[in-house]
Structure formats: structure tokens, C-alpha cells
Amino acid sequence: MMKEEYGFHVDVAKCTGCKTCQVACRSLKESETSKFYRRVYEYTGGHWQENNDKTWHQDVFAYYVSISCNHCQDPICVRVCPTTAMHKDAETGLVLVDHKKCIGCRYCEWACPYGAPQFDPEQGQMTKCDGCIDRLARGEQAMCVTACPLRALDFGPIAELREKYGSVDEIAPLPEKKHTRPHLVITGGRHARPALSKDGAVLNKKEF
């Protein structure tokens, strides 16, 4: 039985899309892979409309969602892995890759609705966010959280995060929570749209 299950909090109202979290994570993990384990989605929508009196009004909106692996309660990547390489850590509930078992079949990559597992062609194996488990063991915070200048991120036992920030764990452009039950808490801004919303679109898909 797991002692605690960890997860992330993302405050969309605070995030300015600076991508410092993304860069800090990549810098820390660059010896492992050139992939981005954390991604910042730029989600925007709305339009301008001319009134009868020739003035204009608008409902344009934009916000940023910083996301990595959500270390889900029911991770689909673990379910589809044929070798049990993808697994939940017994102590923390973090979803990890056992590189002694990974054969690089990429099933986890194709199955994950958050795009967390990523294939590293140099290793021929899967890589992903590990919640900075080595830093956690030293009593340190995850690097993305430490680096965030606006303190828009937090990481810790998911029960504590939900008690502190609430239970919302869905926001566009992320998928519905029912697929994997993510260990994620979202604080949405005034423009936040629900999962599956068609009000906007991700503008920076080519970055990932």
C-alpha cells in the first residue's frame, strides 16, 4: 500500500506563460533526454464584433496551462505497458519508467491523453516526468515549482493540495479527468474554459 500519492497544482490565474518551468525542467534533465517533460499550452479564443453604431466589442481571452505528467490515480500508460516498465512507485505513487524493462514499444505514448511519456530515439526507450523523485528524497521541491517566478505551481501529497487549493482538475485544452483520474489541481482564471470546450485553440502546438 502506498504511503502517499503526489501530484501537481497549477494556478492558471497566476501563470504568465514565461515557460521558466519548462526550461528549468529540461536543464535539470538534459543528460537524460532533449524532450520537454513539462509543456506550457497557450490557449486562446474569442472574437471581435461590430455593433450597429459602428463601435466594437469583444470576448477575446487567453491563458496558459503548464502541464507535465499528472501521476494519475489510474494511469492508462501503466495499463497498456506490456512489460510493466511503466509503473507507480510504491512510496509516492509517482508514475515511473523502469529502464531495465522498457522496450520502447511506445504504447504508453499513444495511450496517454496528456502526452506525458515521450520516446527518446537515442535510448530507444520511453522517458517522462518523474516528479523529481531524487529531489523529493532529499526533502527538496520539484524543479519546475522551485523555478516558477510567479509561484503558479505547487507539488506535494495530492490530498494536501486538494485541501489547500480545491478539487478542480479539468480545464481546456486538457482532456476530461474520467480517463485517468489525474493527480492534478487547477486554479482557473476568469477566462478558464472547461475540458472539451470548443471556445479556443492551442496556438503553440509546434513547440512540442
N, C-alpha and C. Protein backbone atom coordinates (compact mmCIF):
# COMPACT_ATOMS: atom_id res chain seq x y z
N MET A 1 0.84 -1.20 0.00
CA MET A 1 0.00 0.00 0.00
C MET A 1 0.88 1.25 0.00
N MET A 2 0.53 2.20 -0.84
CA MET A 2 1.33 3.42 -0.97
C MET A 2 1.15 4.32 0.25
N LYS A 3 2.24 4.93 0.69
CA LYS A 3 2.19 5.82 1.84
C LYS A 3 1.44 7.10 1.50
N GLU A 4 1.83 7.74 0.39
CA GLU A 4 1.19 8.97 -0.06
C GLU A 4 1.21 8.98 -1.57
N GLU A 5 0.28 9.72 -2.16
CA GLU A 5 0.28 9.89 -3.61
C GLU A 5 0.48 11.37 -3.91
N TYR A 6 1.45 11.64 -4.75
CA TYR A 6 1.82 13.03 -5.04
C TYR A 6 1.19 13.53 -6.34
N GLY A 7 1.09 14.85 -6.44
CA GLY A 7 0.55 15.45 -7.65
C GLY A 7 0.93 16.92 -7.74
N PHE A 8 0.40 17.59 -8.76
CA PHE A 8 0.72 18.99 -9.02
C PHE A 8 -0.51 19.89 -8.87
N HIS A 9 -0.24 21.14 -8.48
CA HIS A 9 -1.23 22.21 -8.53
C HIS A 9 -0.76 23.22 -9.55
N VAL A 10 -1.67 23.68 -10.41
CA VAL A 10 -1.37 24.70 -11.41
C VAL A 10 -2.35 25.85 -11.25
N ASP A 11 -1.81 27.04 -10.98
CA ASP A 11 -2.64 28.23 -10.85
C ASP A 11 -2.63 28.98 -12.18
N VAL A 12 -3.64 28.75 -12.98
CA VAL A 12 -3.72 29.36 -14.30
C VAL A 12 -3.87 30.87 -14.20
N ALA A 13 -4.48 31.33 -13.12
CA ALA A 13 -4.66 32.77 -12.93
C ALA A 13 -3.33 33.50 -12.74
N LYS A 14 -2.34 32.80 -12.22
CA LYS A 14 -1.02 33.41 -11.99
C LYS A 14 -0.06 33.22 -13.15
N CYS A 15 -0.22 32.15 -13.92
CA CYS A 15 0.75 31.80 -14.95
C CYS A 15 0.75 32.83 -16.08
N THR A 16 1.94 33.32 -16.41
CA THR A 16 2.09 34.30 -17.49
C THR A 16 2.66 33.67 -18.76
N GLY A 17 2.88 32.37 -18.75
CA GLY A 17 3.40 31.71 -19.94
C GLY A 17 4.88 31.95 -20.18
N CYS A 18 5.64 32.28 -19.14
CA CYS A 18 7.06 32.58 -19.33
C CYS A 18 7.88 31.35 -19.68
N LYS A 19 7.35 30.18 -19.35
CA LYS A 19 7.99 28.89 -19.65
C LYS A 19 9.28 28.64 -18.86
N THR A 20 9.48 29.36 -17.77
CA THR A 20 10.65 29.11 -16.93
C THR A 20 10.62 27.69 -16.37
N CYS A 21 9.44 27.21 -16.02
CA CYS A 21 9.29 25.84 -15.51
C CYS A 21 9.75 24.83 -16.54
N GLN A 22 9.37 25.06 -17.77
CA GLN A 22 9.71 24.17 -18.87
C GLN A 22 11.22 24.13 -19.10
N VAL A 23 11.84 25.31 -19.09
CA VAL A 23 13.28 25.41 -19.31
C VAL A 23 14.07 24.81 -18.15
N ALA A 24 13.62 25.08 -16.92
CA ALA A 24 14.31 24.55 -15.74
C ALA A 24 14.27 23.03 -15.70
N CYS A 25 13.13 22.48 -16.05
CA CYS A 25 12.99 21.02 -16.09
C CYS A 25 13.93 20.42 -17.13
N ARG A 26 13.93 21.02 -18.30
CA ARG A 26 14.79 20.49 -19.37
C ARG A 26 16.26 20.62 -19.01
N SER A 27 16.62 21.72 -18.36
CA SER A 27 18.01 21.92 -17.95
C SER A 27 18.44 20.86 -16.95
N LEU A 28 17.55 20.55 -16.00
CA LEU A 28 17.86 19.55 -14.99
C LEU A 28 18.00 18.16 -15.60
N LYS A 29 17.16 17.85 -16.57
CA LYS A 29 17.09 16.51 -17.13
C LYS A 29 17.83 16.36 -18.46
N GLU A 30 18.60 17.36 -18.86
CA GLU A 30 19.18 17.34 -20.19
C GLU A 30 20.14 16.19 -20.42
N SER A 31 20.69 15.63 -19.35
CA SER A 31 21.58 14.48 -19.52
C SER A 31 20.79 13.23 -19.90
N GLU A 32 19.49 13.26 -19.69
CA GLU A 32 18.66 12.10 -19.99
C GLU A 32 18.02 12.18 -21.37
N THR A 33 17.56 13.37 -21.75
CA THR A 33 16.81 13.50 -22.99
C THR A 33 16.74 14.94 -23.42
N SER A 34 16.45 15.15 -24.68
CA SER A 34 16.24 16.50 -25.20
C SER A 34 14.77 16.87 -25.23
N LYS A 35 13.91 16.00 -24.73
CA LYS A 35 12.47 16.24 -24.74
C LYS A 35 12.06 17.20 -23.63
N PHE A 36 10.89 17.81 -23.82
CA PHE A 36 10.28 18.63 -22.77
C PHE A 36 9.34 17.75 -21.95
N TYR A 37 9.65 17.58 -20.67
CA TYR A 37 8.74 16.84 -19.80
C TYR A 37 7.58 17.71 -19.34
N ARG A 38 7.82 19.01 -19.26
CA ARG A 38 6.74 19.96 -18.92
C ARG A 38 6.51 20.87 -20.11
N ARG A 39 5.24 21.11 -20.41
CA ARG A 39 4.87 21.94 -21.55
C ARG A 39 3.89 23.01 -21.10
N VAL A 40 3.98 24.17 -21.70
CA VAL A 40 3.08 25.27 -21.37
C VAL A 40 2.19 25.54 -22.58
N TYR A 41 0.92 25.21 -22.44
CA TYR A 41 -0.03 25.41 -23.54
C TYR A 41 -0.53 26.85 -23.55
N GLU A 42 -0.54 27.45 -24.72
CA GLU A 42 -1.11 28.78 -24.91
C GLU A 42 -2.49 28.60 -25.52
N TYR A 43 -3.51 28.84 -24.71
CA TYR A 43 -4.89 28.58 -25.13
C TYR A 43 -5.64 29.90 -25.26
N THR A 44 -6.19 30.14 -26.44
CA THR A 44 -6.84 31.43 -26.68
C THR A 44 -8.03 31.28 -27.61
N GLY A 45 -8.93 32.26 -27.54
CA GLY A 45 -10.11 32.22 -28.40
C GLY A 45 -10.88 33.54 -28.31
N GLY A 46 -12.11 33.51 -28.78
CA GLY A 46 -12.94 34.72 -28.78
C GLY A 46 -12.88 35.45 -30.11
N HIS A 47 -13.59 36.58 -30.19
CA HIS A 47 -13.64 37.32 -31.45
C HIS A 47 -14.06 38.76 -31.19
N TRP A 48 -13.90 39.58 -32.22
CA TRP A 48 -14.38 40.96 -32.22
C TRP A 48 -15.64 41.04 -33.07
N GLN A 49 -16.57 41.88 -32.61
CA GLN A 49 -17.82 42.03 -33.37
C GLN A 49 -18.23 43.51 -33.43
N GLU A 50 -18.64 43.93 -34.61
CA GLU A 50 -19.04 45.32 -34.80
C GLU A 50 -20.49 45.53 -34.38
N ASN A 51 -20.74 46.57 -33.62
CA ASN A 51 -22.10 46.91 -33.20
C ASN A 51 -22.79 47.74 -34.28
N ASN A 52 -24.10 47.93 -34.10
CA ASN A 52 -24.88 48.72 -35.06
C ASN A 52 -24.43 50.17 -35.13
N ASP A 53 -23.88 50.66 -34.04
CA ASP A 53 -23.43 52.07 -34.03
C ASP A 53 -21.98 52.21 -34.47
N LYS A 54 -21.44 51.17 -35.12
CA LYS A 54 -20.08 51.17 -35.66
C LYS A 54 -18.98 51.08 -34.59
N THR A 55 -19.36 50.88 -33.33
CA THR A 55 -18.36 50.58 -32.32
C THR A 55 -18.14 49.06 -32.30
N TRP A 56 -17.16 48.65 -31.52
CA TRP A 56 -16.83 47.22 -31.48
C TRP A 56 -16.84 46.70 -30.05
N HIS A 57 -17.15 45.43 -29.90
CA HIS A 57 -16.97 44.78 -28.61
C HIS A 57 -16.32 43.41 -28.86
N GLN A 58 -15.74 42.86 -27.80
CA GLN A 58 -15.00 41.60 -27.96
C GLN A 58 -15.12 40.73 -26.73
N ASP A 59 -14.91 39.44 -26.94
CA ASP A 59 -14.86 38.48 -25.83
C ASP A 59 -13.57 37.64 -25.94
N VAL A 60 -12.53 38.29 -26.43
CA VAL A 60 -11.23 37.61 -26.62
C VAL A 60 -10.65 37.20 -25.27
N PHE A 61 -10.07 36.02 -25.21
CA PHE A 61 -9.45 35.55 -23.97
C PHE A 61 -8.19 34.77 -24.31
N ALA A 62 -7.31 34.65 -23.33
CA ALA A 62 -6.09 33.83 -23.46
C ALA A 62 -5.61 33.45 -22.08
N TYR A 63 -5.12 32.24 -21.95
CA TYR A 63 -4.48 31.81 -20.70
C TYR A 63 -3.49 30.70 -20.99
N TYR A 64 -2.66 30.41 -19.99
CA TYR A 64 -1.61 29.41 -20.13
C TYR A 64 -1.84 28.27 -19.13
N VAL A 65 -1.55 27.06 -19.59
CA VAL A 65 -1.67 25.88 -18.72
C VAL A 65 -0.35 25.12 -18.76
N SER A 66 0.36 25.12 -17.64
CA SER A 66 1.63 24.40 -17.52
C SER A 66 1.33 22.97 -17.08
N ILE A 67 1.75 22.01 -17.88
CA ILE A 67 1.36 20.63 -17.61
C ILE A 67 2.53 19.67 -17.84
N SER A 68 2.61 18.66 -17.02
CA SER A 68 3.58 17.58 -17.22
C SER A 68 2.84 16.28 -17.00
N CYS A 69 3.52 15.23 -16.58
CA CYS A 69 2.81 14.02 -16.18
C CYS A 69 1.98 14.34 -14.94
N ASN A 70 0.75 13.84 -14.91
CA ASN A 70 -0.12 14.09 -13.77
C ASN A 70 -0.08 12.96 -12.74
N HIS A 71 0.78 11.97 -12.96
CA HIS A 71 0.96 10.88 -11.99
C HIS A 71 -0.40 10.37 -11.51
N CYS A 72 -1.19 9.97 -12.49
CA CYS A 72 -2.62 9.71 -12.30
C CYS A 72 -2.93 8.58 -11.31
N GLN A 73 -4.13 8.65 -10.78
CA GLN A 73 -4.62 7.60 -9.89
C GLN A 73 -4.78 6.28 -10.67
N ASP A 74 -5.25 6.39 -11.90
CA ASP A 74 -5.45 5.22 -12.75
C ASP A 74 -4.74 5.45 -14.09
N PRO A 75 -3.41 5.44 -14.09
CA PRO A 75 -2.65 5.80 -15.29
C PRO A 75 -2.82 4.80 -16.43
N ILE A 76 -3.30 5.28 -17.55
CA ILE A 76 -3.52 4.40 -18.69
C ILE A 76 -2.19 3.90 -19.25
N CYS A 77 -1.12 4.68 -19.06
CA CYS A 77 0.19 4.25 -19.54
C CYS A 77 0.64 2.97 -18.84
N VAL A 78 0.31 2.86 -17.57
CA VAL A 78 0.65 1.65 -16.80
C VAL A 78 -0.19 0.47 -17.29
N ARG A 79 -1.43 0.75 -17.58
CA ARG A 79 -2.34 -0.32 -18.01
C ARG A 79 -1.91 -0.95 -19.33
N VAL A 80 -1.41 -0.12 -20.25
CA VAL A 80 -1.10 -0.64 -21.59
C VAL A 80 0.34 -1.15 -21.73
N CYS A 81 1.19 -0.89 -20.75
CA CYS A 81 2.60 -1.29 -20.86
C CYS A 81 2.72 -2.82 -20.83
N PRO A 82 3.28 -3.44 -21.86
CA PRO A 82 3.34 -4.91 -21.92
C PRO A 82 4.42 -5.53 -21.05
N THR A 83 5.35 -4.71 -20.53
CA THR A 83 6.46 -5.27 -19.76
C THR A 83 6.47 -4.83 -18.30
N THR A 84 5.49 -4.07 -17.88
CA THR A 84 5.40 -3.46 -16.55
C THR A 84 6.52 -2.46 -16.29
N ALA A 85 7.15 -1.98 -17.35
CA ALA A 85 8.19 -0.96 -17.18
C ALA A 85 7.58 0.34 -16.64
N MET A 86 6.40 0.67 -17.14
CA MET A 86 5.70 1.84 -16.63
C MET A 86 4.93 1.41 -15.38
N HIS A 87 5.21 2.05 -14.26
CA HIS A 87 4.63 1.60 -13.01
C HIS A 87 4.49 2.76 -12.03
N LYS A 88 3.70 2.56 -10.98
CA LYS A 88 3.55 3.55 -9.92
C LYS A 88 4.48 3.20 -8.77
N ASP A 89 5.27 4.18 -8.35
CA ASP A 89 6.19 3.97 -7.24
C ASP A 89 5.42 3.64 -5.96
N ALA A 90 5.88 2.64 -5.24
CA ALA A 90 5.17 2.16 -4.05
C ALA A 90 5.14 3.19 -2.92
N GLU A 91 6.12 4.08 -2.87
CA GLU A 91 6.19 5.05 -1.77
C GLU A 91 5.41 6.32 -2.06
N THR A 92 5.46 6.80 -3.31
CA THR A 92 4.93 8.12 -3.64
C THR A 92 3.77 8.11 -4.62
N GLY A 93 3.55 6.99 -5.28
CA GLY A 93 2.52 6.94 -6.31
C GLY A 93 2.93 7.61 -7.60
N LEU A 94 4.18 8.10 -7.68
CA LEU A 94 4.65 8.72 -8.91
C LEU A 94 4.77 7.66 -10.01
N VAL A 95 4.39 8.03 -11.22
CA VAL A 95 4.47 7.10 -12.35
C VAL A 95 5.87 7.18 -12.94
N LEU A 96 6.57 6.06 -12.94
CA LEU A 96 7.97 6.00 -13.33
C LEU A 96 8.20 4.97 -14.44
N VAL A 97 9.36 5.09 -15.10
CA VAL A 97 9.77 4.13 -16.13
C VAL A 97 10.93 3.30 -15.61
N ASP A 98 10.78 1.98 -15.62
CA ASP A 98 11.88 1.08 -15.28
C ASP A 98 12.64 0.80 -16.57
N HIS A 99 13.81 1.43 -16.73
CA HIS A 99 14.55 1.32 -17.98
C HIS A 99 15.18 -0.06 -18.18
N LYS A 100 15.15 -0.88 -17.15
CA LYS A 100 15.63 -2.25 -17.32
C LYS A 100 14.58 -3.10 -18.03
N LYS A 101 13.33 -2.61 -18.03
CA LYS A 101 12.24 -3.37 -18.63
C LYS A 101 11.69 -2.74 -19.91
N CYS A 102 11.89 -1.44 -20.08
CA CYS A 102 11.29 -0.72 -21.22
C CYS A 102 11.88 -1.20 -22.55
N ILE A 103 11.00 -1.53 -23.49
CA ILE A 103 11.43 -1.99 -24.82
C ILE A 103 11.15 -0.94 -25.89
N GLY A 104 10.67 0.23 -25.47
CA GLY A 104 10.43 1.31 -26.42
C GLY A 104 9.30 1.06 -27.41
N CYS A 105 8.29 0.32 -27.01
CA CYS A 105 7.19 0.00 -27.92
C CYS A 105 6.27 1.20 -28.17
N ARG A 106 6.32 2.18 -27.26
CA ARG A 106 5.59 3.45 -27.39
C ARG A 106 4.08 3.33 -27.14
N TYR A 107 3.62 2.20 -26.64
CA TYR A 107 2.20 2.06 -26.33
C TYR A 107 1.74 3.11 -25.34
N CYS A 108 2.58 3.38 -24.34
CA CYS A 108 2.22 4.36 -23.31
C CYS A 108 2.09 5.76 -23.91
N GLU A 109 2.97 6.09 -24.84
CA GLU A 109 2.93 7.39 -25.51
C GLU A 109 1.62 7.57 -26.26
N TRP A 110 1.22 6.55 -26.97
CA TRP A 110 0.00 6.63 -27.78
C TRP A 110 -1.25 6.66 -26.91
N ALA A 111 -1.20 6.03 -25.74
CA ALA A 111 -2.38 5.91 -24.90
C ALA A 111 -2.61 7.13 -24.00
N CYS A 112 -1.53 7.78 -23.54
CA CYS A 112 -1.67 8.85 -22.56
C CYS A 112 -2.38 10.06 -23.16
N PRO A 113 -3.49 10.51 -22.58
CA PRO A 113 -4.21 11.67 -23.13
C PRO A 113 -3.50 12.99 -22.87
N TYR A 114 -2.47 12.98 -22.01
CA TYR A 114 -1.73 14.20 -21.70
C TYR A 114 -0.39 14.27 -22.43
N GLY A 115 -0.05 13.24 -23.19
CA GLY A 115 1.21 13.24 -23.93
C GLY A 115 2.44 13.23 -23.05
N ALA A 116 2.33 12.64 -21.87
CA ALA A 116 3.45 12.68 -20.92
C ALA A 116 4.62 11.77 -21.31
N PRO A 117 4.40 10.48 -21.58
CA PRO A 117 5.54 9.63 -21.97
C PRO A 117 6.04 10.05 -23.35
N GLN A 118 7.35 10.17 -23.49
CA GLN A 118 7.95 10.58 -24.76
C GLN A 118 9.08 9.65 -25.13
N PHE A 119 9.15 9.33 -26.40
CA PHE A 119 10.15 8.37 -26.89
C PHE A 119 11.47 9.08 -27.14
N ASP A 120 12.54 8.52 -26.61
CA ASP A 120 13.88 9.04 -26.84
C ASP A 120 14.58 8.09 -27.82
N PRO A 121 14.76 8.54 -29.06
CA PRO A 121 15.35 7.66 -30.08
C PRO A 121 16.79 7.26 -29.77
N GLU A 122 17.51 8.08 -29.03
CA GLU A 122 18.90 7.74 -28.69
C GLU A 122 18.95 6.58 -27.71
N GLN A 123 18.02 6.58 -26.75
CA GLN A 123 17.96 5.49 -25.79
C GLN A 123 17.16 4.31 -26.32
N GLY A 124 16.23 4.61 -27.24
CA GLY A 124 15.32 3.58 -27.71
C GLY A 124 14.31 3.19 -26.66
N GLN A 125 14.06 4.13 -25.73
CA GLN A 125 13.15 3.87 -24.62
C GLN A 125 12.27 5.09 -24.35
N MET A 126 11.32 4.89 -23.47
CA MET A 126 10.43 5.98 -23.09
C MET A 126 11.04 6.79 -21.95
N THR A 127 10.74 8.09 -21.95
CA THR A 127 11.15 8.97 -20.87
C THR A 127 9.96 9.82 -20.47
N LYS A 128 10.00 10.40 -19.27
CA LYS A 128 8.88 11.22 -18.80
C LYS A 128 9.25 11.93 -17.50
N CYS A 129 8.38 12.82 -17.08
CA CYS A 129 8.50 13.46 -15.77
C CYS A 129 8.44 12.40 -14.67
N ASP A 130 9.38 12.47 -13.74
CA ASP A 130 9.37 11.54 -12.61
C ASP A 130 9.07 12.24 -11.29
N GLY A 131 8.53 13.48 -11.40
CA GLY A 131 8.21 14.22 -10.18
C GLY A 131 9.45 14.61 -9.39
N CYS A 132 10.59 14.63 -10.07
CA CYS A 132 11.87 14.92 -9.39
C CYS A 132 12.01 14.06 -8.13
N ILE A 133 11.81 12.76 -8.31
CA ILE A 133 11.79 11.85 -7.17
C ILE A 133 13.11 11.85 -6.39
N ASP A 134 14.22 12.11 -7.09
CA ASP A 134 15.51 12.17 -6.39
C ASP A 134 15.57 13.41 -5.49
N ARG A 135 15.04 14.54 -5.97
CA ARG A 135 14.98 15.75 -5.15
C ARG A 135 14.00 15.55 -3.98
N LEU A 136 12.91 14.89 -4.26
CA LEU A 136 11.91 14.61 -3.22
C LEU A 136 12.52 13.81 -2.08
N ALA A 137 13.38 12.85 -2.42
CA ALA A 137 14.03 12.03 -1.42
C ALA A 137 14.97 12.84 -0.53
N ARG A 138 15.46 13.97 -1.06
CA ARG A 138 16.34 14.85 -0.30
C ARG A 138 15.56 15.96 0.42
N GLY A 139 14.25 15.90 0.35
CA GLY A 139 13.43 16.91 1.01
C GLY A 139 13.32 18.20 0.22
N GLU A 140 13.64 18.14 -1.09
CA GLU A 140 13.58 19.32 -1.95
C GLU A 140 12.33 19.31 -2.81
N GLN A 141 11.98 20.46 -3.32
CA GLN A 141 10.79 20.60 -4.14
C GLN A 141 11.12 20.26 -5.60
N ALA A 142 10.09 19.91 -6.37
CA ALA A 142 10.28 19.66 -7.80
C ALA A 142 10.87 20.90 -8.47
N MET A 143 11.75 20.70 -9.43
CA MET A 143 12.47 21.82 -10.04
C MET A 143 11.55 22.83 -10.70
N CYS A 144 10.50 22.37 -11.36
CA CYS A 144 9.59 23.30 -12.03
C CYS A 144 8.92 24.23 -11.03
N VAL A 145 8.60 23.71 -9.86
CA VAL A 145 7.96 24.52 -8.81
C VAL A 145 8.95 25.54 -8.27
N THR A 146 10.17 25.10 -8.00
CA THR A 146 11.21 25.98 -7.48
C THR A 146 11.50 27.13 -8.45
N ALA A 147 11.48 26.82 -9.75
CA ALA A 147 11.86 27.81 -10.76
C ALA A 147 10.76 28.82 -11.07
N CYS A 148 9.52 28.50 -10.83
CA CYS A 148 8.41 29.37 -11.24
C CYS A 148 8.48 30.73 -10.54
N PRO A 149 8.65 31.83 -11.28
CA PRO A 149 8.79 33.15 -10.64
C PRO A 149 7.48 33.70 -10.08
N LEU A 150 6.35 33.19 -10.56
CA LEU A 150 5.04 33.67 -10.09
C LEU A 150 4.41 32.74 -9.07
N ARG A 151 5.11 31.67 -8.72
CA ARG A 151 4.60 30.66 -7.78
C ARG A 151 3.24 30.13 -8.24
N ALA A 152 3.17 29.86 -9.54
CA ALA A 152 1.94 29.33 -10.12
C ALA A 152 1.86 27.81 -10.02
N LEU A 153 2.95 27.17 -9.56
CA LEU A 153 3.00 25.72 -9.45
C LEU A 153 3.24 25.29 -8.01
N ASP A 154 2.71 24.13 -7.69
CA ASP A 154 3.00 23.51 -6.39
C ASP A 154 3.00 22.00 -6.60
N PHE A 155 3.68 21.30 -5.71
CA PHE A 155 3.80 19.85 -5.82
C PHE A 155 3.85 19.27 -4.42
N GLY A 156 3.13 18.18 -4.20
CA GLY A 156 3.12 17.55 -2.89
C GLY A 156 2.08 16.46 -2.83
N PRO A 157 1.82 15.92 -1.64
CA PRO A 157 0.77 14.92 -1.49
C PRO A 157 -0.55 15.48 -2.04
N ILE A 158 -1.20 14.73 -2.91
CA ILE A 158 -2.39 15.23 -3.60
C ILE A 158 -3.52 15.56 -2.62
N ALA A 159 -3.62 14.82 -1.53
CA ALA A 159 -4.67 15.11 -0.55
C ALA A 159 -4.46 16.49 0.06
N GLU A 160 -3.21 16.84 0.33
CA GLU A 160 -2.91 18.16 0.90
C GLU A 160 -3.16 19.27 -0.12
N LEU A 161 -2.82 19.02 -1.39
CA LEU A 161 -3.06 20.02 -2.42
C LEU A 161 -4.55 20.27 -2.61
N ARG A 162 -5.35 19.22 -2.57
CA ARG A 162 -6.80 19.38 -2.72
C ARG A 162 -7.41 20.11 -1.53
N GLU A 163 -6.88 19.85 -0.35
CA GLU A 163 -7.37 20.55 0.83
C GLU A 163 -7.02 22.04 0.76
N LYS A 164 -5.86 22.34 0.21
CA LYS A 164 -5.38 23.72 0.14
C LYS A 164 -5.98 24.51 -1.01
N TYR A 165 -6.11 23.85 -2.20
CA TYR A 165 -6.50 24.57 -3.41
C TYR A 165 -7.86 24.19 -3.98
N GLY A 166 -8.47 23.12 -3.50
CA GLY A 166 -9.76 22.69 -4.04
C GLY A 166 -9.63 21.41 -4.84
N SER A 167 -10.70 21.05 -5.54
CA SER A 167 -10.74 19.74 -6.21
C SER A 167 -10.88 19.83 -7.73
N VAL A 168 -10.84 21.02 -8.30
CA VAL A 168 -10.97 21.16 -9.75
C VAL A 168 -9.74 20.55 -10.43
N ASP A 169 -9.96 19.65 -11.38
CA ASP A 169 -8.84 19.01 -12.06
C ASP A 169 -9.07 18.90 -13.57
N GLU A 170 -9.91 19.78 -14.10
CA GLU A 170 -10.15 19.83 -15.53
C GLU A 170 -10.10 21.28 -16.01
N ILE A 171 -9.59 21.48 -17.21
CA ILE A 171 -9.58 22.78 -17.86
C ILE A 171 -9.22 22.56 -19.33
N ALA A 172 -9.79 23.33 -20.22
CA ALA A 172 -9.37 23.26 -21.62
C ALA A 172 -7.96 23.84 -21.72
N PRO A 173 -7.08 23.24 -22.50
CA PRO A 173 -7.32 22.21 -23.51
C PRO A 173 -7.06 20.78 -23.04
N LEU A 174 -7.04 20.53 -21.74
CA LEU A 174 -6.78 19.19 -21.23
C LEU A 174 -8.00 18.30 -21.41
N PRO A 175 -7.81 16.99 -21.47
CA PRO A 175 -8.94 16.07 -21.62
C PRO A 175 -9.73 15.93 -20.32
N GLU A 176 -10.85 15.26 -20.42
CA GLU A 176 -11.66 15.00 -19.23
C GLU A 176 -10.90 14.10 -18.25
N LYS A 177 -11.17 14.31 -16.97
CA LYS A 177 -10.45 13.57 -15.94
C LYS A 177 -10.83 12.10 -15.85
N LYS A 178 -11.98 11.73 -16.41
CA LYS A 178 -12.51 10.38 -16.24
C LYS A 178 -11.60 9.30 -16.82
N HIS A 179 -10.73 9.69 -17.74
CA HIS A 179 -9.89 8.69 -18.41
C HIS A 179 -8.80 8.12 -17.51
N THR A 180 -8.23 8.96 -16.64
CA THR A 180 -7.08 8.51 -15.84
C THR A 180 -7.12 8.97 -14.38
N ARG A 181 -8.08 9.83 -14.02
CA ARG A 181 -8.16 10.39 -12.66
C ARG A 181 -6.83 11.04 -12.26
N PRO A 182 -6.47 12.13 -12.91
CA PRO A 182 -5.16 12.76 -12.70
C PRO A 182 -4.97 13.31 -11.30
N HIS A 183 -3.74 13.23 -10.81
CA HIS A 183 -3.38 13.87 -9.54
C HIS A 183 -2.99 15.31 -9.87
N LEU A 184 -4.00 16.11 -10.11
CA LEU A 184 -3.84 17.46 -10.59
C LEU A 184 -4.92 18.34 -9.96
N VAL A 185 -4.52 19.53 -9.53
CA VAL A 185 -5.47 20.52 -9.04
C VAL A 185 -5.28 21.79 -9.85
N ILE A 186 -6.38 22.33 -10.36
CA ILE A 186 -6.34 23.52 -11.20
C ILE A 186 -7.03 24.69 -10.51
N THR A 187 -6.33 25.82 -10.45
CA THR A 187 -6.96 27.07 -10.07
C THR A 187 -7.12 27.87 -11.37
N GLY A 188 -8.34 28.02 -11.83
CA GLY A 188 -8.59 28.67 -13.10
C GLY A 188 -8.75 30.17 -12.95
N GLY A 189 -8.37 30.90 -13.97
CA GLY A 189 -8.61 32.34 -14.00
C GLY A 189 -10.02 32.62 -14.48
N ARG A 190 -10.33 33.89 -14.66
CA ARG A 190 -11.70 34.26 -15.05
C ARG A 190 -12.03 33.82 -16.47
N HIS A 191 -11.01 33.52 -17.28
CA HIS A 191 -11.26 33.09 -18.65
C HIS A 191 -11.25 31.58 -18.81
N ALA A 192 -11.03 30.84 -17.75
CA ALA A 192 -10.88 29.39 -17.85
C ALA A 192 -12.10 28.74 -18.49
N ARG A 193 -11.83 27.82 -19.40
CA ARG A 193 -12.88 27.07 -20.09
C ARG A 193 -12.83 25.61 -19.65
N PRO A 194 -13.97 24.93 -19.64
CA PRO A 194 -14.00 23.53 -19.21
C PRO A 194 -13.36 22.60 -20.23
N ALA A 195 -12.98 21.41 -19.79
CA ALA A 195 -12.45 20.40 -20.70
C ALA A 195 -13.45 20.17 -21.82
N LEU A 196 -12.94 19.90 -23.01
CA LEU A 196 -13.73 19.68 -24.23
C LEU A 196 -14.35 20.94 -24.80
N SER A 197 -14.06 22.09 -24.21
CA SER A 197 -14.58 23.35 -24.74
C SER A 197 -14.04 23.58 -26.15
N LYS A 198 -14.89 24.12 -27.00
CA LYS A 198 -14.50 24.46 -28.37
C LYS A 198 -14.33 25.97 -28.53
N ASP A 199 -14.28 26.68 -27.42
CA ASP A 199 -14.19 28.15 -27.46
C ASP A 199 -12.84 28.65 -27.94
N GLY A 200 -11.80 27.84 -27.78
CA GLY A 200 -10.47 28.29 -28.12
C GLY A 200 -9.64 27.21 -28.78
N ALA A 201 -8.35 27.49 -28.92
CA ALA A 201 -7.42 26.55 -29.54
C ALA A 201 -6.03 26.78 -28.98
N VAL A 202 -5.20 25.72 -29.02
CA VAL A 202 -3.81 25.81 -28.61
C VAL A 202 -3.01 26.43 -29.75
N LEU A 203 -2.33 27.52 -29.47
CA LEU A 203 -1.61 28.25 -30.52
C LEU A 203 -0.17 27.78 -30.73
N ASN A 204 0.39 27.08 -29.78
CA ASN A 204 1.81 26.75 -29.85
C ASN A 204 2.08 25.23 -29.96
N LYS A 205 1.26 24.54 -30.71
CA LYS A 205 1.43 23.08 -30.85
C LYS A 205 2.79 22.70 -31.43
N LYS A 206 3.34 23.55 -32.28
CA LYS A 206 4.60 23.21 -32.93
C LYS A 206 5.79 23.20 -31.96
N GLU A 207 5.59 23.74 -30.76
CA GLU A 207 6.67 23.76 -29.79
C GLU A 207 6.93 22.39 -29.18
N PHE A 208 5.97 21.50 -29.29
CA PHE A 208 6.09 20.24 -28.56
C PHE A 208 6.48 19.11 -29.49
